[in-house]
Amino acid sequence: MRRRPSQIIAICGGSGSGKSTLARKFVGAAVLATDSFYKDIDDLKPREDGTFDFDHPDAVDLDECADACIKLADGEDIMIPVYEMRSAKRVGQQMVPAPKNSIVVIEGIYAFHSPLHEIATLRIFIDTPIDQRMARRLRRDVERGRSTLESIQYSLHVEEAYSRYVEPMRHLADLILMGEEMHGSFSL
């Protein structure tokens, strides 16, 4: 039996737009998050004020992420970094098995940035209103141990980064979904 060609589906949208939720709906797919490929803080260059810009595309190793996608699409099990957001460090590795159905999903705010854009066979942008993104992000951040005030303060920076690095990639989408309308699961 001939192996079906693999599909690499890139899902992009703002923080809290529903990217991870949509990615999990692809039954049997191997799912990667660009968040797993953040560079260790020791490998980042600080800004002039000594802080780090984790919302800049250069904070993520997109080449390493693309290599992982290609290996999964070729049917290989892979090891990916485990990134711990609180310490801003890679703290280990985890195995991701090859997809059961030849579908690889890469989700993240930088899923349309090069080289991920070039390897994707389908690009989905999730367009979710800012108030819904902020509410989801607040709920998620509090669950992850951030205070409500921290999350709200950080949201201003996140939305600025969205306007600068994510929303301009919207035009690259093959499909645009409204974030509040996603229900059900997919089996391609």
Protein backbone atom coordinates (compact mmCIF):
# COMPACT_ATOMS: atom_id res chain seq x y z
CA MET A 1 0.00 0.00 0.00
CA ARG A 2 1.35 3.40 -1.00
CA ARG A 3 1.85 5.94 1.78
CA ARG A 4 -0.33 9.02 1.47
CA PRO A 5 1.68 12.26 1.17
CA SER A 6 1.96 14.11 4.45
CA GLN A 7 0.22 17.39 5.09
CA ILE A 8 1.74 20.11 7.26
CA ILE A 9 -0.98 22.40 8.56
CA ALA A 10 0.11 25.71 10.09
CA ILE A 11 -2.31 27.40 12.49
CA CYS A 12 -1.61 31.02 13.32
CA GLY A 13 -3.45 33.69 15.30
CA GLY A 14 -3.10 35.90 18.34
CA SER A 15 -2.38 34.69 21.85
CA GLY A 16 -5.61 33.19 23.18
CA SER A 17 -7.24 32.94 19.75
CA GLY A 18 -7.88 29.19 19.90
CA LYS A 19 -4.87 27.82 18.00
CA SER A 20 -4.15 24.99 20.45
CA THR A 21 -7.84 24.11 20.71
CA LEU A 22 -8.15 23.85 16.92
CA ALA A 23 -4.89 21.88 16.60
CA ARG A 24 -6.14 19.24 19.06
CA LYS A 25 -9.24 18.70 16.88
CA PHE A 26 -7.15 17.08 14.13
CA VAL A 27 -7.64 13.44 15.16
CA GLY A 28 -4.53 11.28 14.68
CA ALA A 29 -2.30 14.22 13.75
CA ALA A 30 1.09 14.97 15.28
CA VAL A 31 0.75 18.40 16.90
CA LEU A 32 3.65 20.74 17.61
CA ALA A 33 3.54 24.18 19.22
CA THR A 34 6.05 26.86 18.31
CA ASP A 35 6.08 27.62 22.07
CA SER A 36 8.13 24.44 22.54
CA PHE A 37 10.92 25.96 20.47
CA TYR A 38 11.55 29.15 22.45
CA LYS A 39 15.25 29.69 22.86
CA ASP A 40 16.75 29.39 26.31
CA ILE A 41 17.08 32.80 27.96
CA ASP A 42 20.86 32.27 28.03
CA ASP A 43 20.82 32.25 24.21
CA LEU A 44 18.86 35.51 23.85
CA LYS A 45 20.31 38.99 23.56
CA PRO A 46 18.84 41.42 26.11
CA ARG A 47 17.48 44.80 25.08
CA GLU A 48 19.30 47.96 26.14
CA ASP A 49 17.29 48.09 29.38
CA GLY A 50 18.35 44.52 30.26
CA THR A 51 14.94 42.92 29.60
CA PHE A 52 14.15 40.28 27.00
CA ASP A 53 11.56 40.45 24.23
CA PHE A 54 9.94 37.01 24.24
CA ASP A 55 7.29 38.25 21.80
CA HIS A 56 9.76 38.82 18.96
CA PRO A 57 10.03 36.03 16.36
CA ASP A 58 13.79 35.78 17.01
CA ALA A 59 13.03 34.42 20.51
CA VAL A 60 11.85 31.17 18.88
CA ASP A 61 14.06 28.73 16.94
CA LEU A 62 11.80 28.46 13.90
CA ASP A 63 14.43 26.51 11.91
CA GLU A 64 14.53 23.80 14.59
CA CYS A 65 10.72 23.79 14.61
CA ALA A 66 10.56 23.41 10.82
CA ASP A 67 13.08 20.54 10.93
CA ALA A 68 10.90 18.78 13.51
CA CYS A 69 7.80 19.22 11.30
CA ILE A 70 9.59 17.79 8.28
CA LYS A 71 10.83 14.75 10.22
CA LEU A 72 7.31 14.07 11.50
CA ALA A 73 5.94 14.46 7.97
CA ASP A 74 8.54 11.91 6.83
CA GLY A 75 7.16 9.45 9.39
CA GLU A 76 9.87 9.80 12.05
CA ASP A 77 9.32 9.99 15.79
CA ILE A 78 11.13 13.05 17.13
CA MET A 79 12.40 14.62 20.33
CA ILE A 80 11.45 18.25 20.97
CA PRO A 81 12.45 20.68 23.71
CA VAL A 82 10.38 21.11 26.85
CA TYR A 83 10.29 24.85 27.49
CA GLU A 84 9.35 26.20 30.90
CA MET A 85 7.78 29.66 30.58
CA ARG A 86 8.39 30.78 34.19
CA SER A 87 12.17 30.22 34.06
CA ALA A 88 12.45 30.95 30.30
CA LYS A 89 14.58 27.85 29.95
CA ARG A 90 14.54 24.56 28.13
CA VAL A 91 14.27 21.98 30.87
CA GLY A 92 14.36 18.71 28.97
CA GLN A 93 12.99 16.90 25.95
CA GLN A 94 9.88 14.96 25.07
CA MET A 95 9.11 12.48 22.35
CA VAL A 96 6.49 13.21 19.71
CA PRO A 97 5.44 10.14 17.73
CA ALA A 98 4.97 10.28 13.97
CA PRO A 99 1.37 11.01 12.98
CA LYS A 100 -1.04 8.13 12.45
CA ASN A 101 -2.68 9.82 9.48
CA SER A 102 0.18 11.69 7.75
CA ILE A 103 -0.94 15.06 9.17
CA VAL A 104 1.39 17.34 11.08
CA VAL A 105 -0.08 20.43 12.73
CA ILE A 106 2.15 23.28 13.83
CA GLU A 107 0.41 25.93 15.90
CA GLY A 108 1.67 29.18 17.29
CA ILE A 109 1.81 32.91 16.90
CA TYR A 110 4.76 32.51 14.52
CA ALA A 111 3.44 29.54 12.52
CA PHE A 112 3.29 31.67 9.35
CA HIS A 113 6.84 33.01 9.71
CA SER A 114 9.66 31.61 7.60
CA PRO A 115 10.57 28.76 7.26
CA LEU A 116 7.27 27.35 8.62
CA HIS A 117 5.21 29.24 6.06
CA GLU A 118 7.15 27.64 3.20
CA ILE A 119 6.76 24.05 4.40
CA ALA A 120 3.04 24.30 5.25
CA THR A 121 0.61 22.75 2.79
CA LEU A 122 -2.36 24.51 4.44
CA ARG A 123 -2.28 27.75 6.42
CA ILE A 124 -5.16 28.55 8.79
CA PHE A 125 -5.44 31.92 10.52
CA ILE A 126 -7.77 32.20 13.50
CA ASP A 127 -9.30 35.64 13.74
CA THR A 128 -10.66 36.08 17.27
CA PRO A 129 -11.83 39.43 18.67
CA ILE A 130 -9.43 41.08 21.11
CA ASP A 131 -11.83 40.91 24.06
CA GLN A 132 -12.16 37.12 23.68
CA ARG A 133 -8.40 36.66 23.27
CA MET A 134 -7.74 38.72 26.39
CA ALA A 135 -10.34 36.84 28.46
CA ARG A 136 -8.92 33.46 27.37
CA ARG A 137 -5.35 34.60 28.00
CA LEU A 138 -6.28 35.91 31.47
CA ARG A 139 -7.91 32.58 32.40
CA ARG A 140 -4.94 30.60 31.05
CA ASP A 141 -2.31 32.84 32.69
CA VAL A 142 -3.99 32.62 36.10
CA GLU A 143 -4.13 28.81 35.73
CA ARG A 144 -0.38 28.93 35.00
CA GLY A 145 0.34 30.86 38.20
CA ARG A 146 0.36 34.48 37.04
CA SER A 147 -1.58 37.05 39.00
CA THR A 148 -4.55 38.76 37.35
CA LEU A 149 -2.72 42.10 37.46
CA GLU A 150 0.42 40.60 35.88
CA SER A 151 -1.67 39.10 33.11
CA ILE A 152 -3.51 42.33 32.38
CA GLN A 153 -0.27 44.34 32.33
CA TYR A 154 1.39 41.79 30.07
CA SER A 155 -1.64 41.81 27.73
CA LEU A 156 -0.76 45.30 26.53
CA HIS A 157 2.65 44.09 25.37
CA VAL A 158 1.16 40.93 23.85
CA GLU A 159 -1.37 42.91 21.80
CA GLU A 160 1.35 45.28 20.59
CA ALA A 161 3.39 42.26 19.44
CA TYR A 162 0.26 40.82 17.76
CA SER A 163 -0.13 44.01 15.74
CA ARG A 164 3.53 44.01 14.79
CA TYR A 165 4.33 40.32 14.12
CA VAL A 166 1.17 38.21 13.84
CA GLU A 167 -1.70 40.14 12.26
CA PRO A 168 0.44 41.20 9.23
CA MET A 169 0.83 37.47 8.39
CA ARG A 170 -2.97 37.04 8.06
CA HIS A 171 -2.83 37.60 4.29
CA LEU A 172 -0.77 34.39 3.91
CA ALA A 173 -3.69 32.25 5.10
CA ASP A 174 -5.40 29.76 2.82
CA LEU A 175 -8.30 29.73 5.27
CA ILE A 176 -9.43 32.25 7.89
CA LEU A 177 -11.62 30.99 10.72
CA MET A 178 -13.49 33.13 13.19
CA GLY A 179 -12.26 31.96 16.60
CA GLU A 180 -15.65 32.09 18.30
CA GLU A 181 -17.21 29.76 15.69
CA MET A 182 -15.00 26.66 15.98
CA HIS A 183 -16.75 23.46 17.06
CA GLY A 184 -16.39 19.74 16.35
CA SER A 185 -13.35 17.78 15.23
CA PHE A 186 -11.57 17.11 11.97
CA SER A 187 -10.48 13.87 10.42
CA LEU A 188 -8.74 14.36 7.10
